[in-house]
PDB file of all heavy atoms in Angstrom:
ATOM      1  N   PRO A   1       6.015  -2.899  29.395  1.00  0.00           N
ATOM      2  CA  PRO A   1       6.784  -1.636  29.300  1.00  0.00           C
ATOM      3  C   PRO A   1       7.100  -1.470  27.765  1.00  0.00           C
ATOM      4  O   PRO A   1       7.362  -2.425  27.080  1.00  0.00           O
ATOM      5  CB  PRO A   1       7.959  -1.876  30.015  1.00  0.00           C
ATOM      6  CG  PRO A   1       7.745  -2.945  31.009  1.00  0.00           C
ATOM      7  CD  PRO A   1       6.671  -3.864  30.390  1.00  0.00           C
ATOM      8  N   HIS A   2       7.155  -0.254  27.282  1.00  0.00           N
ATOM      9  CA  HIS A   2       7.462   0.148  25.888  1.00  0.00           C
ATOM     10  C   HIS A   2       6.364  -0.366  24.929  1.00  0.00           C
ATOM     11  O   HIS A   2       6.610  -0.595  23.753  1.00  0.00           O
ATOM     12  CB  HIS A   2       8.839  -0.417  25.507  1.00  0.00           C
ATOM     13  CG  HIS A   2       9.873  -0.087  26.392  1.00  0.00           C
ATOM     14  ND1 HIS A   2      10.540   1.132  26.364  1.00  0.00           N
ATOM     15  CD2 HIS A   2      10.542  -0.776  27.484  1.00  0.00           C
ATOM     16  CE1 HIS A   2      11.544   1.145  27.380  1.00  0.00           C
ATOM     17  NE2 HIS A   2      11.429   0.028  28.012  1.00  0.00           N
ATOM     18  N   ASP A   3       5.143  -0.436  25.346  1.00  0.00           N
ATOM     19  CA  ASP A   3       4.005  -0.801  24.498  1.00  0.00           C
ATOM     20  C   ASP A   3       3.714   0.375  23.589  1.00  0.00           C
ATOM     21  O   ASP A   3       4.242   1.533  23.718  1.00  0.00           O
ATOM     22  CB  ASP A   3       2.842  -1.172  25.364  1.00  0.00           C
ATOM     23  CG  ASP A   3       2.044  -2.317  24.736  1.00  0.00           C
ATOM     24  OD1 ASP A   3       2.045  -2.403  23.464  1.00  0.00           O
ATOM     25  OD2 ASP A   3       1.356  -3.082  25.433  1.00  0.00           O
ATOM     26  N   ASN A   4       2.852   0.034  22.517  1.00  0.00           N
ATOM     27  CA  ASN A   4       2.449   1.060  21.610  1.00  0.00           C
ATOM     28  C   ASN A   4       1.029   1.501  21.954  1.00  0.00           C
ATOM     29  O   ASN A   4       0.131   0.710  22.024  1.00  0.00           O
ATOM     30  CB  ASN A   4       2.494   0.550  20.169  1.00  0.00           C
ATOM     31  CG  ASN A   4       1.991   1.504  19.139  1.00  0.00           C
ATOM     32  OD1 ASN A   4       1.601   2.618  19.485  1.00  0.00           O
ATOM     33  ND2 ASN A   4       2.225   1.117  17.949  1.00  0.00           N
ATOM     34  N   PHE A   5       0.828   2.761  22.348  1.00  0.00           N
ATOM     35  CA  PHE A   5      -0.487   3.205  22.865  1.00  0.00           C
ATOM     36  C   PHE A   5      -1.242   4.042  21.772  1.00  0.00           C
ATOM     37  O   PHE A   5      -2.245   4.703  22.039  1.00  0.00           O
ATOM     38  CB  PHE A   5      -0.285   4.125  24.121  1.00  0.00           C
ATOM     39  CG  PHE A   5       0.301   3.370  25.276  1.00  0.00           C
ATOM     40  CD1 PHE A   5       1.648   3.124  25.453  1.00  0.00           C
ATOM     41  CD2 PHE A   5      -0.616   2.788  26.164  1.00  0.00           C
ATOM     42  CE1 PHE A   5       2.212   2.410  26.541  1.00  0.00           C
ATOM     43  CE2 PHE A   5      -0.150   2.026  27.334  1.00  0.00           C
ATOM     44  CZ  PHE A   5       1.267   1.927  27.497  1.00  0.00           C
ATOM     45  N   ASN A   6      -0.697   4.014  20.522  1.00  0.00           N
ATOM     46  CA  ASN A   6      -1.364   4.622  19.572  1.00  0.00           C
ATOM     47  C   ASN A   6      -2.734   3.950  19.152  1.00  0.00           C
ATOM     48  O   ASN A   6      -2.688   2.732  18.770  1.00  0.00           O
ATOM     49  CB  ASN A   6      -0.570   4.789  18.193  1.00  0.00           C
ATOM     50  CG  ASN A   6      -1.102   5.553  17.106  1.00  0.00           C
ATOM     51  OD1 ASN A   6      -2.326   5.261  16.681  1.00  0.00           O
ATOM     52  ND2 ASN A   6      -0.356   6.485  16.411  1.00  0.00           N
ATOM     53  N   LEU A   7      -3.861   4.633  19.176  1.00  0.00           N
ATOM     54  CA  LEU A   7      -5.138   3.952  19.050  1.00  0.00           C
ATOM     55  C   LEU A   7      -5.367   3.254  17.674  1.00  0.00           C
ATOM     56  O   LEU A   7      -6.033   2.371  17.483  1.00  0.00           O
ATOM     57  CB  LEU A   7      -6.270   4.949  19.256  1.00  0.00           C
ATOM     58  CG  LEU A   7      -6.701   5.309  20.670  1.00  0.00           C
ATOM     59  CD1 LEU A   7      -7.774   6.239  20.774  1.00  0.00           C
ATOM     60  CD2 LEU A   7      -6.936   4.140  21.539  1.00  0.00           C
ATOM     61  N   GLU A   8      -4.644   3.838  16.699  1.00  0.00           N
ATOM     62  CA  GLU A   8      -4.734   3.332  15.320  1.00  0.00           C
ATOM     63  C   GLU A   8      -3.808   1.956  15.253  1.00  0.00           C
ATOM     64  O   GLU A   8      -4.115   1.185  14.310  1.00  0.00           O
ATOM     65  CB  GLU A   8      -4.165   4.298  14.288  1.00  0.00           C
ATOM     66  CG  GLU A   8      -5.055   5.552  14.102  1.00  0.00           C
ATOM     67  CD  GLU A   8      -6.339   5.118  13.427  1.00  0.00           C
ATOM     68  OE1 GLU A   8      -6.378   4.393  12.414  1.00  0.00           O
ATOM     69  OE2 GLU A   8      -7.457   5.649  13.818  1.00  0.00           O
ATOM     70  N   GLU A   9      -2.901   1.766  16.057  1.00  0.00           N
ATOM     71  CA  GLU A   9      -1.927   0.676  15.875  1.00  0.00           C
ATOM     72  C   GLU A   9      -1.822  -0.243  17.100  1.00  0.00           C
ATOM     73  O   GLU A   9      -1.256  -1.307  17.066  1.00  0.00           O
ATOM     74  CB  GLU A   9      -0.486   1.259  15.621  1.00  0.00           C
ATOM     75  CG  GLU A   9      -0.586   2.049  14.363  1.00  0.00           C
ATOM     76  CD  GLU A   9       0.849   2.724  14.140  1.00  0.00           C
ATOM     77  OE1 GLU A   9       1.665   2.615  15.065  1.00  0.00           O
ATOM     78  OE2 GLU A   9       1.151   3.293  13.152  1.00  0.00           O
ATOM     79  N   SER A  10      -2.421   0.211  18.265  1.00  0.00           N
ATOM     80  CA  SER A  10      -2.227  -0.557  19.502  1.00  0.00           C
ATOM     81  C   SER A  10      -3.066  -1.847  19.536  1.00  0.00           C
ATOM     82  O   SER A  10      -4.008  -1.989  18.843  1.00  0.00           O
ATOM     83  CB  SER A  10      -2.585   0.384  20.687  1.00  0.00           C
ATOM     84  OG  SER A  10      -3.875   0.662  20.653  1.00  0.00           O
ATOM     85  N   HIS A  11      -2.598  -2.684  20.417  1.00  0.00           N
ATOM     86  CA  HIS A  11      -3.439  -3.865  20.804  1.00  0.00           C
ATOM     87  C   HIS A  11      -4.344  -3.665  21.982  1.00  0.00           C
ATOM     88  O   HIS A  11      -4.416  -2.421  22.408  1.00  0.00           O
ATOM     89  CB  HIS A  11      -2.559  -5.126  20.966  1.00  0.00           C
ATOM     90  CG  HIS A  11      -1.746  -5.476  19.764  1.00  0.00           C
ATOM     91  ND1 HIS A  11      -0.364  -5.398  19.618  1.00  0.00           N
ATOM     92  CD2 HIS A  11      -2.264  -5.983  18.660  1.00  0.00           C
ATOM     93  CE1 HIS A  11      -0.067  -5.803  18.431  1.00  0.00           C
ATOM     94  NE2 HIS A  11      -1.133  -6.211  17.756  1.00  0.00           N
ATOM     95  N   VAL A  12      -4.976  -4.665  22.455  1.00  0.00           N
ATOM     96  CA  VAL A  12      -6.099  -4.483  23.385  1.00  0.00           C
ATOM     97  C   VAL A  12      -5.769  -3.655  24.651  1.00  0.00           C
ATOM     98  O   VAL A  12      -6.437  -2.603  24.844  1.00  0.00           O
ATOM     99  CB  VAL A  12      -6.715  -5.709  23.813  1.00  0.00           C
ATOM    100  CG1 VAL A  12      -7.881  -5.646  24.807  1.00  0.00           C
ATOM    101  CG2 VAL A  12      -7.147  -6.712  22.590  1.00  0.00           C
ATOM    102  N   ILE A  13      -4.747  -4.154  25.435  1.00  0.00           N
ATOM    103  CA  ILE A  13      -4.565  -3.409  26.675  1.00  0.00           C
ATOM    104  C   ILE A  13      -4.090  -2.068  26.590  1.00  0.00           C
ATOM    105  O   ILE A  13      -4.611  -1.123  27.153  1.00  0.00           O
ATOM    106  CB  ILE A  13      -3.665  -4.355  27.673  1.00  0.00           C
ATOM    107  CG1 ILE A  13      -4.444  -5.525  28.122  1.00  0.00           C
ATOM    108  CG2 ILE A  13      -3.008  -3.485  28.809  1.00  0.00           C
ATOM    109  CD1 ILE A  13      -3.741  -6.361  29.174  1.00  0.00           C
ATOM    110  N   PRO A  14      -2.952  -1.745  25.744  1.00  0.00           N
ATOM    111  CA  PRO A  14      -2.632  -0.336  25.624  1.00  0.00           C
ATOM    112  C   PRO A  14      -3.714   0.584  24.939  1.00  0.00           C
ATOM    113  O   PRO A  14      -3.745   1.663  25.296  1.00  0.00           O
ATOM    114  CB  PRO A  14      -1.398  -0.416  24.732  1.00  0.00           C
ATOM    115  CG  PRO A  14      -1.480  -1.773  23.987  1.00  0.00           C
ATOM    116  CD  PRO A  14      -2.102  -2.702  25.012  1.00  0.00           C
ATOM    117  N   GLY A  15      -4.546  -0.061  24.118  1.00  0.00           N
ATOM    118  CA  GLY A  15      -5.626   0.680  23.568  1.00  0.00           C
ATOM    119  C   GLY A  15      -6.691   1.107  24.697  1.00  0.00           C
ATOM    120  O   GLY A  15      -7.120   2.269  24.698  1.00  0.00           O
ATOM    121  N   LEU A  16      -6.899   0.215  25.616  1.00  0.00           N
ATOM    122  CA  LEU A  16      -7.905   0.390  26.704  1.00  0.00           C
ATOM    123  C   LEU A  16      -7.309   1.534  27.696  1.00  0.00           C
ATOM    124  O   LEU A  16      -7.875   2.335  28.104  1.00  0.00           O
ATOM    125  CB  LEU A  16      -8.166  -0.890  27.400  1.00  0.00           C
ATOM    126  CG  LEU A  16      -9.059  -1.784  26.630  1.00  0.00           C
ATOM    127  CD1 LEU A  16      -9.215  -3.101  27.430  1.00  0.00           C
ATOM    128  CD2 LEU A  16     -10.500  -1.271  26.345  1.00  0.00           C
ATOM    129  N   VAL A  17      -6.021   1.351  27.876  1.00  0.00           N
ATOM    130  CA  VAL A  17      -5.284   2.314  28.797  1.00  0.00           C
ATOM    131  C   VAL A  17      -5.330   3.660  28.078  1.00  0.00           C
ATOM    132  O   VAL A  17      -5.631   4.710  28.856  1.00  0.00           O
ATOM    133  CB  VAL A  17      -3.767   1.928  28.985  1.00  0.00           C
ATOM    134  CG1 VAL A  17      -2.965   2.996  29.682  1.00  0.00           C
ATOM    135  CG2 VAL A  17      -3.718   0.568  29.725  1.00  0.00           C
ATOM    136  N   HIS A  18      -5.108   3.699  26.806  1.00  0.00           N
ATOM    137  CA  HIS A  18      -5.227   5.137  26.130  1.00  0.00           C
ATOM    138  C   HIS A  18      -6.644   5.595  26.280  1.00  0.00           C
ATOM    139  O   HIS A  18      -6.835   6.849  26.602  1.00  0.00           O
ATOM    140  CB  HIS A  18      -4.817   4.908  24.693  1.00  0.00           C
ATOM    141  CG  HIS A  18      -4.800   6.210  23.962  1.00  0.00           C
ATOM    142  ND1 HIS A  18      -3.780   6.558  23.036  1.00  0.00           N
ATOM    143  CD2 HIS A  18      -5.710   7.278  23.919  1.00  0.00           C
ATOM    144  CE1 HIS A  18      -3.881   7.740  22.543  1.00  0.00           C
ATOM    145  NE2 HIS A  18      -5.099   8.169  23.017  1.00  0.00           N
ATOM    146  N   LYS A  19      -7.683   4.872  26.035  1.00  0.00           N
ATOM    147  CA  LYS A  19      -9.044   5.259  26.137  1.00  0.00           C
ATOM    148  C   LYS A  19      -9.397   5.706  27.526  1.00  0.00           C
ATOM    149  O   LYS A  19     -10.051   6.760  27.770  1.00  0.00           O
ATOM    150  CB  LYS A  19      -9.952   4.262  25.617  1.00  0.00           C
ATOM    151  CG  LYS A  19      -9.965   3.908  24.221  1.00  0.00           C
ATOM    152  CD  LYS A  19     -10.898   2.915  23.804  1.00  0.00           C
ATOM    153  CE  LYS A  19     -10.887   2.676  22.226  1.00  0.00           C
ATOM    154  NZ  LYS A  19     -11.912   1.683  21.833  1.00  0.00           N
ATOM    155  N   LEU A  20      -8.905   5.047  28.504  1.00  0.00           N
ATOM    156  CA  LEU A  20      -9.178   5.299  29.912  1.00  0.00           C
ATOM    157  C   LEU A  20      -8.440   6.708  30.285  1.00  0.00           C
ATOM    158  O   LEU A  20      -9.125   7.444  31.080  1.00  0.00           O
ATOM    159  CB  LEU A  20      -8.646   4.154  30.846  1.00  0.00           C
ATOM    160  CG  LEU A  20      -9.544   3.026  31.179  1.00  0.00           C
ATOM    161  CD1 LEU A  20      -8.789   1.846  31.690  1.00  0.00           C
ATOM    162  CD2 LEU A  20     -10.748   3.380  31.917  1.00  0.00           C
ATOM    163  N   HIS A  21      -7.327   6.963  29.813  1.00  0.00           N
ATOM    164  CA  HIS A  21      -6.644   8.076  30.052  1.00  0.00           C
ATOM    165  C   HIS A  21      -7.508   9.286  29.471  1.00  0.00           C
ATOM    166  O   HIS A  21      -7.630  10.352  30.129  1.00  0.00           O
ATOM    167  CB  HIS A  21      -5.190   8.091  29.546  1.00  0.00           C
ATOM    168  CG  HIS A  21      -4.450   9.319  29.782  1.00  0.00           C
ATOM    169  ND1 HIS A  21      -4.436  10.316  28.811  1.00  0.00           N
ATOM    170  CD2 HIS A  21      -3.669   9.739  30.902  1.00  0.00           C
ATOM    171  CE1 HIS A  21      -3.631  11.323  29.360  1.00  0.00           C
ATOM    172  NE2 HIS A  21      -3.137  10.954  30.534  1.00  0.00           N
ATOM    173  N   THR A  22      -7.862   9.044  28.285  1.00  0.00           N
ATOM    174  CA  THR A  22      -8.575  10.176  27.573  1.00  0.00           C
ATOM    175  C   THR A  22      -9.965  10.466  28.320  1.00  0.00           C
ATOM    176  O   THR A  22     -10.230  11.586  28.538  1.00  0.00           O
ATOM    177  CB  THR A  22      -8.989   9.740  26.075  1.00  0.00           C
ATOM    178  OG1 THR A  22      -7.674   9.559  25.437  1.00  0.00           O
ATOM    179  CG2 THR A  22      -9.734  10.828  25.478  1.00  0.00           C
ATOM    180  N   CYS A  23     -10.651   9.459  28.738  1.00  0.00           N
ATOM    181  CA  CYS A  23     -11.957   9.627  29.355  1.00  0.00           C
ATOM    182  C   CYS A  23     -11.823  10.263  30.677  1.00  0.00           C
ATOM    183  O   CYS A  23     -12.687  10.993  31.068  1.00  0.00           O
ATOM    184  CB  CYS A  23     -12.762   8.304  29.386  1.00  0.00           C
ATOM    185  SG  CYS A  23     -12.274   7.183  30.624  1.00  0.00           S
ATOM    186  N   THR A  24     -10.745   9.944  31.443  1.00  0.00           N
ATOM    187  CA  THR A  24     -10.539  10.501  32.815  1.00  0.00           C
ATOM    188  C   THR A  24     -10.078  11.953  32.789  1.00  0.00           C
ATOM    189  O   THR A  24     -10.383  12.718  33.539  1.00  0.00           O
ATOM    190  CB  THR A  24      -9.586   9.728  33.608  1.00  0.00           C
ATOM    191  OG1 THR A  24      -8.458   9.423  32.927  1.00  0.00           O
ATOM    192  CG2 THR A  24     -10.275   8.262  33.940  1.00  0.00           C
ATOM    193  N   THR A  25      -9.273  12.220  31.654  1.00  0.00           N
ATOM    194  CA  THR A  25      -8.704  13.606  31.682  1.00  0.00           C
ATOM    195  C   THR A  25      -9.518  14.626  30.871  1.00  0.00           C
ATOM    196  O   THR A  25      -9.433  15.803  31.212  1.00  0.00           O
ATOM    197  CB  THR A  25      -7.301  13.608  30.967  1.00  0.00           C
ATOM    198  OG1 THR A  25      -7.348  12.947  29.610  1.00  0.00           O
ATOM    199  CG2 THR A  25      -6.214  12.762  31.837  1.00  0.00           C
ATOM    200  N   GLN A  26     -10.356  14.140  30.047  1.00  0.00           N
ATOM    201  CA  GLN A  26     -11.245  14.920  29.114  1.00  0.00           C
ATOM    202  C   GLN A  26     -12.677  14.778  29.431  1.00  0.00           C
ATOM    203  O   GLN A  26     -13.598  15.231  28.698  1.00  0.00           O
ATOM    204  CB  GLN A  26     -10.994  14.689  27.699  1.00  0.00           C
ATOM    205  CG  GLN A  26      -9.483  14.938  27.202  1.00  0.00           C
ATOM    206  CD  GLN A  26      -9.162  14.638  25.792  1.00  0.00           C
ATOM    207  OE1 GLN A  26     -10.107  14.712  25.011  1.00  0.00           O
ATOM    208  NE2 GLN A  26      -7.961  14.457  25.504  1.00  0.00           N
ATOM    209  N   ASN A  27     -12.958  14.021  30.479  1.00  0.00           N
ATOM    210  CA  ASN A  27     -14.469  13.723  30.821  1.00  0.00           C
ATOM    211  C   ASN A  27     -15.196  13.178  29.703  1.00  0.00           C
ATOM    212  O   ASN A  27     -16.315  13.697  29.487  1.00  0.00           O
ATOM    213  CB  ASN A  27     -14.991  15.034  31.442  1.00  0.00           C
ATOM    214  CG  ASN A  27     -16.297  14.755  32.176  1.00  0.00           C
ATOM    215  OD1 ASN A  27     -16.451  13.524  32.697  1.00  0.00           O
ATOM    216  ND2 ASN A  27     -17.169  15.582  32.235  1.00  0.00           N
ATOM    217  N   LYS A  28     -14.671  12.099  29.000  1.00  0.00           N
ATOM    218  CA  LYS A  28     -15.482  11.585  27.882  1.00  0.00           C
ATOM    219  C   LYS A  28     -15.809  10.185  28.328  1.00  0.00           C
ATOM    220  O   LYS A  28     -15.204   9.540  29.123  1.00  0.00           O
ATOM    221  CB  LYS A  28     -14.521  11.555  26.596  1.00  0.00           C
ATOM    222  CG  LYS A  28     -14.148  12.933  26.037  1.00  0.00           C
ATOM    223  CD  LYS A  28     -13.260  12.767  24.732  1.00  0.00           C
ATOM    224  CE  LYS A  28     -13.116  13.994  24.142  1.00  0.00           C
ATOM    225  NZ  LYS A  28     -12.260  13.893  22.783  1.00  0.00           N
ATOM    226  N   PRO A  29     -16.852   9.730  27.605  1.00  0.00           N
ATOM    227  CA  PRO A  29     -17.340   8.264  27.919  1.00  0.00           C
ATOM    228  C   PRO A  29     -16.361   7.250  27.521  1.00  0.00           C
ATOM    229  O   PRO A  29     -15.485   7.389  26.580  1.00  0.00           O
ATOM    230  CB  PRO A  29     -18.607   8.074  27.010  1.00  0.00           C
ATOM    231  CG  PRO A  29     -18.386   9.074  25.986  1.00  0.00           C
ATOM    232  CD  PRO A  29     -17.707  10.338  26.476  1.00  0.00           C
TER     233      PRO A  29
END
């Protein structure tokens, strides 16, 4: 909880969560 999901500053898991959210909502790879 309270992790940093900014792709420029995040670590592995929040970065992957951010990317997954983007690819599922915007239909990106």
